[in-house]
Protein backbone atom coordinates (compact mmCIF):
# COMPACT_ATOMS: atom_id res chain seq x y z
CA UNK A 1 101.69 28.85 4.47
CA UNK A 2 103.76 31.69 2.05
CA UNK A 3 102.22 34.87 1.31
CA UNK A 4 100.78 35.64 -2.19
CA UNK A 5 103.37 38.13 -4.05
CA UNK A 6 102.24 41.38 -3.76
CA UNK A 7 102.36 42.06 -7.68
CA UNK A 8 99.59 39.17 -8.13
CA UNK A 9 96.74 41.58 -7.88
CA UNK A 10 97.76 44.26 -9.75
CA UNK A 11 97.14 43.09 -13.20
CA UNK A 12 93.52 41.73 -14.68
CA UNK A 13 93.39 38.30 -15.50
CA UNK A 14 93.26 37.04 -18.78
CA UNK A 15 89.23 36.91 -19.15
CA UNK A 16 87.26 39.35 -17.29
CA UNK A 17 83.29 38.17 -17.83
CA UNK A 18 80.56 41.06 -17.60
CA UNK A 19 77.27 40.05 -15.64
CA UNK A 20 75.02 39.01 -18.50
CA UNK A 21 78.17 36.78 -19.95
CA UNK A 22 78.04 35.02 -16.39
CA UNK A 23 74.87 34.77 -16.53
CA UNK A 24 74.28 33.08 -19.78
CA UNK A 25 76.83 30.69 -19.44
CA UNK A 26 74.76 29.75 -16.30
CA UNK A 27 71.56 29.71 -18.07
CA UNK A 28 73.46 27.25 -20.91
CA UNK A 29 74.83 25.06 -18.36
CA UNK A 30 71.72 25.19 -16.15
CA UNK A 31 69.19 24.51 -18.53
CA UNK A 32 70.94 21.99 -20.45
CA UNK A 33 72.05 19.47 -17.59
CA UNK A 34 68.47 19.78 -16.11
CA UNK A 35 66.38 20.09 -18.92
CA UNK A 36 64.32 16.77 -17.61
CA UNK A 37 63.94 16.54 -14.06
CA UNK A 38 61.96 15.08 -11.26
CA UNK A 39 62.40 16.81 -8.18
CA UNK A 40 60.22 16.08 -4.63
CA UNK A 41 59.49 18.11 -2.06
CA UNK A 42 56.62 20.09 0.02
CA UNK A 43 54.43 23.50 -1.27
CA UNK A 44 54.85 25.97 0.25
CA UNK A 45 53.89 29.85 -0.99
CA UNK A 46 51.34 29.52 -3.65
CA UNK A 47 49.60 31.91 -5.05
CA UNK A 48 46.81 31.56 -8.41
CA UNK A 49 47.30 34.69 -10.89
CA UNK A 50 44.53 35.96 -11.60
CA UNK A 51 46.59 34.89 -15.46
CA UNK A 52 45.76 31.68 -14.83
CA UNK A 53 49.29 30.72 -13.95
CA UNK A 54 50.54 29.04 -10.44
CA UNK A 55 53.87 29.93 -8.34
CA UNK A 56 54.35 28.17 -5.58
CA UNK A 57 57.71 27.05 -4.17
CA UNK A 58 59.04 23.75 -3.23
CA UNK A 59 61.50 23.28 0.10
CA UNK A 60 62.61 20.83 2.14
CA UNK A 61 64.55 20.85 5.42
CA UNK A 62 67.20 23.00 4.11
CA UNK A 63 66.72 24.16 0.82
CA UNK A 64 64.06 26.44 -1.13
CA UNK A 65 62.97 26.13 -5.09
CA UNK A 66 60.71 28.24 -6.84
CA UNK A 67 58.54 27.10 -9.42
CA UNK A 68 56.09 27.97 -12.07
CA UNK A 69 53.03 26.40 -13.76
CA UNK A 70 52.31 28.13 -16.74
CA UNK A 71 48.48 28.56 -17.06
CA UNK A 72 48.56 26.38 -20.30
CA UNK A 73 50.47 23.55 -18.52
CA UNK A 74 47.79 23.72 -15.15
CA UNK A 75 45.94 21.13 -17.06
CA UNK A 76 48.20 18.67 -16.99
CA UNK A 77 48.72 18.46 -13.40
CA UNK A 78 47.36 15.16 -11.93
CA UNK A 79 45.93 17.04 -8.80
CA UNK A 80 45.51 20.68 -7.71
CA UNK A 81 48.52 21.73 -5.34
CA UNK A 82 47.97 23.34 -2.15
CA UNK A 83 50.57 24.21 0.54
CA UNK A 84 51.96 21.48 2.97
CA UNK A 85 51.22 19.05 0.34
CA UNK A 86 53.94 16.61 -0.23
CA UNK A 87 54.43 16.14 -4.27
CA UNK A 88 57.05 15.26 -6.96
CA UNK A 89 57.34 17.51 -10.04
CA UNK A 90 58.79 17.30 -13.17
CA UNK A 91 59.89 20.14 -15.32
CA UNK A 92 63.09 21.78 -16.37
CA UNK A 93 65.26 24.82 -14.55
CA UNK A 94 65.16 27.82 -16.12
CA UNK A 95 67.09 31.30 -15.61
CA UNK A 96 65.46 34.64 -15.47
CA UNK A 97 68.78 36.16 -16.43
CA UNK A 98 66.94 40.25 -15.53
CA UNK A 99 67.35 38.89 -11.88
CA UNK A 100 69.97 36.78 -11.67
CA UNK A 101 67.45 33.67 -10.46
CA UNK A 102 66.37 30.33 -11.31
CA UNK A 103 62.95 28.38 -11.05
CA UNK A 104 61.35 24.87 -12.09
CA UNK A 105 59.00 25.13 -14.87
CA UNK A 106 56.51 22.11 -14.05
CA UNK A 107 54.43 20.53 -16.60
CA UNK A 108 53.49 17.47 -14.18
CA UNK A 109 52.81 17.54 -10.94
CA UNK A 110 51.81 14.58 -8.51
CA UNK A 111 51.02 13.93 -4.90
CA UNK A 112 53.64 11.84 -2.81
CA UNK A 113 51.77 9.04 -1.71
CA UNK A 114 48.08 8.87 -0.67
CA UNK A 115 48.57 9.78 2.85
CA UNK A 116 48.10 13.22 3.00
CA UNK A 117 44.90 13.03 0.35
CA UNK A 118 43.13 10.69 2.85
CA UNK A 119 44.00 12.80 5.58
CA UNK A 120 42.10 15.83 3.62
CA UNK A 121 39.67 13.30 2.38
CA UNK A 122 38.50 12.64 5.99
CA UNK A 123 38.85 16.26 7.28
CA UNK A 124 36.41 17.51 4.68
CA UNK A 125 33.93 14.44 5.03
CA UNK A 126 33.83 15.56 8.66
CA UNK A 127 33.00 19.02 8.00
CA UNK A 128 30.80 18.36 4.97
CA UNK A 129 28.85 15.64 7.23
CA UNK A 130 28.47 17.95 10.15
CA UNK A 131 26.62 20.56 7.90
CA UNK A 132 24.36 17.64 6.90
CA UNK A 133 25.56 17.22 3.31
CA UNK A 134 25.62 13.44 3.01
CA UNK A 135 22.17 12.98 5.39
CA UNK A 136 19.27 10.46 3.98
CA UNK A 137 16.54 13.16 4.03
CA UNK A 138 18.36 15.15 1.65
CA UNK A 139 18.20 12.12 -1.17
CA UNK A 140 15.60 13.02 -3.76
CA UNK A 141 14.12 10.33 -6.13
CA UNK A 142 14.77 9.83 -9.52
CA UNK A 143 12.47 10.12 -12.27
CA UNK A 144 11.08 6.97 -13.37
CA UNK A 145 10.60 7.91 -16.95
CA UNK A 146 13.04 10.59 -17.97
CA UNK A 147 12.72 12.46 -20.87
CA UNK A 148 15.77 14.73 -20.56
CA UNK A 149 19.43 14.11 -19.07
CA UNK A 150 22.17 16.35 -18.72
CA UNK A 151 25.86 14.95 -17.95
CA UNK A 152 28.59 16.32 -16.54
CA UNK A 153 32.08 14.60 -17.60
CA UNK A 154 34.84 14.75 -20.17
CA UNK A 155 32.93 14.55 -23.89
CA UNK A 156 36.27 12.60 -24.61
CA UNK A 157 36.59 10.04 -22.88
CA UNK A 158 35.31 6.36 -22.45
CA UNK A 159 32.82 7.19 -19.68
CA UNK A 160 30.05 9.52 -22.19
CA UNK A 161 30.97 6.26 -24.69
CA UNK A 162 29.61 3.74 -22.31
CA UNK A 163 26.99 5.67 -20.76
CA UNK A 164 25.52 7.04 -24.19
CA UNK A 165 25.58 3.24 -25.70
CA UNK A 166 23.71 2.26 -22.09
CA UNK A 167 21.11 4.52 -22.80
CA UNK A 168 20.81 4.36 -26.11
CA UNK A 169 19.72 0.28 -25.95
CA UNK A 170 17.56 0.91 -23.13
CA UNK A 171 15.66 3.90 -23.45
CA UNK A 172 15.69 5.38 -27.12
CA UNK A 173 13.56 8.24 -26.33
CA UNK A 174 15.68 9.72 -23.87
CA UNK A 175 17.64 13.12 -24.71
CA UNK A 176 20.95 13.15 -23.27
CA UNK A 177 22.26 16.87 -23.35
CA UNK A 178 26.53 16.52 -22.37
CA UNK A 179 27.83 19.62 -20.15
CA UNK A 180 31.58 19.28 -20.91
CA UNK A 181 34.12 19.68 -18.13
CA UNK A 182 37.78 18.17 -17.27
CA UNK A 183 37.65 15.20 -15.19
CA UNK A 184 41.23 15.23 -13.80
CA UNK A 185 43.85 17.42 -12.77
CA UNK A 186 44.37 21.24 -11.27
CA UNK A 187 41.63 23.28 -12.01
CA UNK A 188 39.31 20.57 -12.83
CA UNK A 189 37.16 20.91 -9.46
CA UNK A 190 36.53 24.47 -10.71
CA UNK A 191 35.34 23.55 -14.32
CA UNK A 192 33.05 20.74 -12.80
CA UNK A 193 30.82 22.91 -10.58
CA UNK A 194 30.32 25.28 -12.69
CA UNK A 195 29.22 22.52 -15.19
CA UNK A 196 27.30 21.46 -12.66
CA UNK A 197 25.34 24.84 -12.21
CA UNK A 198 25.03 25.13 -15.84
CA UNK A 199 23.41 22.17 -16.07
CA UNK A 200 21.29 23.17 -13.10
CA UNK A 201 20.12 26.06 -15.54
CA UNK A 202 19.18 23.96 -18.64
CA UNK A 203 16.12 25.23 -20.42
CA UNK A 204 13.51 23.73 -20.38
CA UNK A 205 15.24 21.79 -17.46
CA UNK A 206 16.15 18.12 -17.45
CA UNK A 207 14.64 15.48 -15.50
CA UNK A 208 18.31 14.40 -14.11
CA UNK A 209 21.80 14.69 -14.09
CA UNK A 210 24.85 12.47 -14.37
CA UNK A 211 27.79 13.14 -12.86
CA UNK A 212 30.29 10.66 -14.46
CA UNK A 213 33.83 9.47 -14.94
CA UNK A 214 36.29 6.60 -15.46
CA UNK A 215 38.26 4.63 -12.97
CA UNK A 216 41.50 6.18 -11.36
CA UNK A 217 43.84 6.10 -8.45
CA UNK A 218 42.71 8.24 -5.85
CA UNK A 219 44.85 11.36 -7.48
CA UNK A 220 42.71 10.62 -10.45
CA UNK A 221 39.71 11.22 -8.86
CA UNK A 222 40.77 14.07 -6.55
CA UNK A 223 38.47 16.32 -8.31
CA UNK A 224 35.12 14.88 -7.38
CA UNK A 225 36.75 15.09 -3.97
CA UNK A 226 37.01 18.98 -3.82
CA UNK A 227 34.46 21.19 -1.72
CA UNK A 228 33.28 23.57 -4.43
CA UNK A 229 32.27 20.23 -6.31
CA UNK A 230 30.50 18.60 -3.77
CA UNK A 231 28.51 21.66 -2.77
CA UNK A 232 27.63 22.22 -6.45
CA UNK A 233 26.28 18.53 -6.48
CA UNK A 234 24.23 19.09 -3.43
CA UNK A 235 22.90 22.50 -4.56
CA UNK A 236 21.24 20.95 -7.56
CA UNK A 237 17.81 21.70 -8.19
CA UNK A 238 17.82 18.65 -9.99
CA UNK A 239 18.08 15.13 -8.48
CA UNK A 240 21.71 14.18 -9.23
CA UNK A 241 23.42 10.45 -10.20
CA UNK A 242 27.13 10.25 -9.54
CA UNK A 243 28.82 7.49 -11.16
CA UNK A 244 32.85 8.17 -10.64
CA UNK A 245 35.42 5.26 -10.93
CA UNK A 246 34.77 1.76 -10.46
CA UNK A 247 32.86 -0.44 -7.78
CA UNK A 248 35.21 0.45 -5.30
CA UNK A 249 36.18 3.91 -5.64
CA UNK A 250 33.56 6.28 -3.34
CA UNK A 251 33.75 9.92 -3.91
CA UNK A 252 32.63 12.54 -1.61
CA UNK A 253 30.23 13.74 -4.56
CA UNK A 254 28.73 10.34 -4.66
CA UNK A 255 27.96 10.65 -0.61
CA UNK A 256 26.48 14.55 -1.43
CA UNK A 257 24.40 12.81 -4.75
CA UNK A 258 20.61 11.85 -4.80
CA UNK A 259 22.33 8.29 -5.70
CA UNK A 260 25.35 6.84 -6.26
CA UNK A 261 26.22 4.49 -9.26
CA UNK A 262 29.13 1.77 -9.17
CA UNK A 263 30.22 2.71 -12.52
CA UNK A 264 29.29 5.40 -15.70
CA UNK A 265 27.06 2.65 -17.18
CA UNK A 266 25.54 1.76 -13.72
CA UNK A 267 24.48 5.36 -13.67
CA UNK A 268 22.88 4.97 -16.92
CA UNK A 269 20.89 2.05 -15.94
CA UNK A 270 19.79 3.22 -12.62
CA UNK A 271 18.59 6.85 -14.83
CA UNK A 272 16.30 5.12 -17.00
CA UNK A 273 14.15 1.91 -17.68
CA UNK A 274 14.98 -1.07 -19.59
CA UNK A 275 12.46 -0.28 -22.82
CA UNK A 276 12.66 -4.38 -23.52
CA UNK A 277 11.63 -5.26 -19.83
CA UNK A 278 9.02 -2.66 -20.07
CA UNK A 279 7.81 -4.21 -23.43
CA UNK A 280 7.74 -7.58 -22.19
CA UNK A 281 5.84 -6.27 -18.96
CA UNK A 282 3.49 -4.43 -20.67
CA UNK A 283 2.50 -7.34 -23.09
CA UNK A 284 2.15 -9.48 -19.84
CA UNK A 285 -0.11 -6.93 -18.30
CA UNK A 286 -1.94 -6.85 -22.00
CA UNK A 287 -2.10 -10.71 -21.98
CA UNK A 288 -3.84 -10.90 -18.27
CA UNK A 289 -5.76 -8.41 -19.18
CA UNK A 290 -7.43 -10.42 -21.83
CA UNK A 291 -7.55 -13.34 -19.66
CA UNK A 292 -9.22 -11.30 -16.97
CA UNK A 293 -12.12 -10.17 -19.80
CA UNK A 294 -11.90 -13.61 -21.15
CA UNK A 295 -12.80 -14.77 -17.44
CA UNK A 296 -15.33 -12.14 -16.56
CA UNK A 297 -17.22 -12.36 -20.17
CA UNK A 298 -17.68 -16.25 -19.40
CA UNK A 299 -19.06 -15.27 -15.93
CA UNK A 300 -21.65 -12.91 -17.00
CA UNK A 301 -22.73 -15.57 -19.23
CA UNK A 302 -23.23 -18.23 -16.92
CA UNK A 303 -24.96 -15.81 -14.68
CA UNK A 304 -27.09 -14.59 -17.97
CA UNK A 305 -28.01 -18.45 -18.43
CA UNK A 306 -29.02 -19.14 -14.90
CA UNK A 307 -30.87 -15.61 -15.14
CA UNK A 308 -33.12 -17.31 -17.94
CA UNK A 309 -33.49 -20.73 -16.53
CA UNK A 310 -34.85 -19.02 -13.51
CA UNK A 311 -38.73 -19.40 -12.16
CA UNK A 312 -39.05 -15.77 -12.34
CA UNK A 313 -38.56 -15.06 -15.81
CA UNK A 314 -40.68 -18.30 -16.84
CA UNK A 315 -43.67 -17.43 -14.74
CA UNK A 316 -43.19 -13.53 -14.22
CA UNK A 317 -46.60 -13.41 -11.59
CA UNK A 318 -45.38 -16.14 -9.51
CA UNK A 319 -43.25 -13.25 -6.98
CA UNK A 320 -46.82 -11.82 -6.79
CA UNK A 321 -48.32 -14.54 -5.45
CA UNK A 322 -45.18 -15.64 -3.59
CA UNK A 323 -45.69 -12.56 -1.53
CA UNK A 324 -49.26 -12.32 -1.47
CA UNK A 325 -49.19 -15.45 0.12
CA UNK A 326 -46.49 -14.41 2.73
CA UNK A 327 -48.75 -11.40 3.66
CA UNK A 328 -51.78 -13.41 4.17
CA UNK A 329 -49.58 -15.63 6.11
CA UNK A 330 -48.39 -12.93 8.10
CA UNK A 331 -51.97 -11.13 8.92
CA UNK A 332 -53.27 -14.40 10.04
CA UNK A 333 -50.41 -14.25 12.70
CA UNK A 334 -50.74 -10.66 13.54
CA UNK A 335 -54.55 -11.41 14.08
CA UNK A 336 -53.84 -14.41 16.18
CA UNK A 337 -51.13 -12.60 18.23
CA UNK A 338 -53.34 -9.63 18.88
CA UNK A 339 -56.29 -11.62 20.18
CA UNK A 340 -54.06 -13.81 22.43
CA UNK A 341 -52.73 -10.08 23.71
CA UNK A 342 -56.15 -9.04 23.79
CA UNK A 343 -57.39 -11.67 25.90
CA UNK A 344 -54.54 -11.98 28.17
CA UNK A 345 -54.78 -7.92 28.99
CA UNK A 346 -58.33 -8.59 30.12
CA UNK A 347 -57.87 -11.35 32.51
CA UNK A 348 -54.97 -9.14 33.93
CA UNK A 349 -57.77 -6.02 34.16
CA UNK A 350 -60.06 -8.52 35.97
CA UNK A 351 -57.72 -9.48 38.34
CA UNK A 352 -56.88 -5.75 39.16
CA UNK A 353 -60.51 -4.85 39.72
CA UNK A 354 -60.93 -7.99 42.00
CA UNK A 355 -57.89 -6.43 44.13
CA UNK A 356 -59.12 -3.08 44.11
CA UNK A 357 -62.67 -4.52 44.62
CA UNK A 358 -61.55 -6.57 47.92
CA UNK A 359 -59.91 -3.43 49.18
CA UNK A 360 -62.37 -0.96 48.77
CA UNK A 361 -64.27 1.09 51.64
CA UNK A 362 -67.51 0.48 50.01
CA UNK A 363 -66.95 -3.24 50.41
CA UNK A 364 -66.30 -3.12 53.96
CA UNK A 365 -69.36 -0.33 54.52
CA UNK A 366 -71.59 -3.53 52.56
CA UNK A 367 -70.11 -5.66 55.62
CA UNK A 368 -71.85 -3.87 58.15
CA UNK A 369 -69.67 -1.07 58.87
CA UNK A 370 -69.50 2.73 58.89
CA UNK A 371 -67.74 5.88 58.33
CA UNK A 372 -68.25 9.07 60.55
CA UNK A 373 -67.03 12.63 59.72
CA UNK A 374 -67.60 15.91 61.43
CA UNK A 375 -69.97 18.15 60.04
CA UNK A 376 -68.59 21.60 58.60
CA UNK A 377 -69.63 24.64 60.14
CA UNK A 378 -71.05 25.89 57.38
CA UNK A 379 -74.89 24.76 56.38
CA UNK A 380 -74.68 25.24 53.11
CA UNK A 381 -71.97 22.90 52.03
CA UNK A 382 -71.85 20.85 49.16
CA UNK A 383 -72.31 17.21 49.58
CA UNK A 384 -68.44 17.00 48.63
CA UNK A 385 -67.31 19.68 51.19
CA UNK A 386 -69.49 17.15 53.72
CA UNK A 387 -66.95 14.38 53.71
CA UNK A 388 -63.72 16.14 52.84
CA UNK A 389 -62.26 16.39 56.10
CA UNK A 390 -60.26 13.37 57.65
CA UNK A 391 -62.73 10.54 58.95
CA UNK A 392 -62.69 10.04 62.75
CA UNK A 393 -60.73 7.55 64.27
CA UNK A 394 -61.06 8.50 68.05
CA UNK A 395 -63.38 10.14 70.20
CA UNK A 396 -61.07 12.74 71.63
CA UNK A 397 -61.41 14.40 68.04
CA UNK A 398 -64.98 15.06 68.81
CA UNK A 399 -66.73 17.08 71.40
CA UNK A 400 -70.54 17.15 72.57
CA UNK A 401 -72.96 19.21 70.57
CA UNK A 402 -70.81 18.15 67.48
CA UNK A 403 -72.63 17.12 64.65
CA UNK A 404 -71.84 13.47 63.09
CA UNK A 405 -72.38 12.69 59.51
CA UNK A 406 -72.17 8.41 59.19
CA UNK A 407 -71.79 6.88 56.23
CA UNK A 408 -73.28 3.63 55.68
CA UNK A 409 -73.80 0.75 52.95
CA UNK A 410 -76.77 3.04 51.59
CA UNK A 411 -77.38 6.44 52.76
CA UNK A 412 -75.68 9.13 55.26
CA UNK A 413 -77.24 9.83 59.22
CA UNK A 414 -76.34 13.23 60.82
CA UNK A 415 -76.75 12.90 64.82
CA UNK A 416 -75.60 15.20 67.57
CA UNK A 417 -73.18 13.99 70.15
CA UNK A 418 -74.62 14.26 73.32
CA UNK A 419 -71.37 12.44 75.50
CA UNK A 420 -68.65 11.39 75.18
CA UNK A 421 -67.16 8.35 76.92
CA UNK A 422 -62.99 7.82 77.51
CA UNK A 423 -62.15 4.15 75.92
């Protein structure tokens, strides 16, 4: 390879560009060529500025691209971006001339597939379940006849129209207060959580809160799986009905609410009774009441007729005569019973006297036996004291010279012992 001529670098080229000119040409070329582009990558370095802008970077295995979502475009995002999320973004490349850098200005953002979202959903579900936010014991009963209901949803969606139409058809006396909030996209979760708090502070308080949204994909309904919204539902001071999506869609808000509805229309059905059915039930109860009154009146009339035909009303004195006859019969029965008992008692008494007389010592004395006592040493002893001691049973109990008292069938004999012989 031959060397370049020595004078090749001595003279400047025909055209020399300034930095601004180069940057301007790059800006024009780049922004013209990449004014409508879709770019896939992994979100990293995400920063939410106080101004409302979102700054992030998209990366793949070998490159990094800076991006920005301006504040007015944040509500247009399909999902709230987070570090590590695989996304596909739409926007345009713009060159920032003062720094000579370029970035992607994003106006739409979607998650790539549902795998990452489902993984985040499972992780958050496990965390909140451990805290008890989904426990059945926390569930509260809905009011039977609500007078005021707060509805947290988008005021322009089809869900609120279906909800209000159902409420109007079923329970016209219920007042519905719409608490507006976005239900989809980046930033919707914060609005929903704030709307739930506002609904709980309405004065005078509402009887129930409905959190509703129409159907959509997992990405569309993702705001109702955000932690802030789920905690706001669980912390509501008033019973909450969650009607998000279609029957097959189950969000974390559905699990945290006091009752889950299959659709927004079903939420309205669960909240208010059907006035037509209620009127029919009242009419049926009125009919049963009338029939019951007619039956009770007929029974009372028949009872009155039986009373009017009774003997007591025809002859009031018959009851007194019946009681008098009964009293006479009972008195005669009492007399017979008393006489019989007295006779039996006298017979038992005579038998007992006979047994006592048969065993009496006096009876033995009358047959020729006698009872002997030792006379007391004191001559002035009374009759009772003379025979108070035990009677003699053996000659060894007496001694010669002692005075004896012998009781015969009639009278007593005093004698002195002259001699005692052994048996």
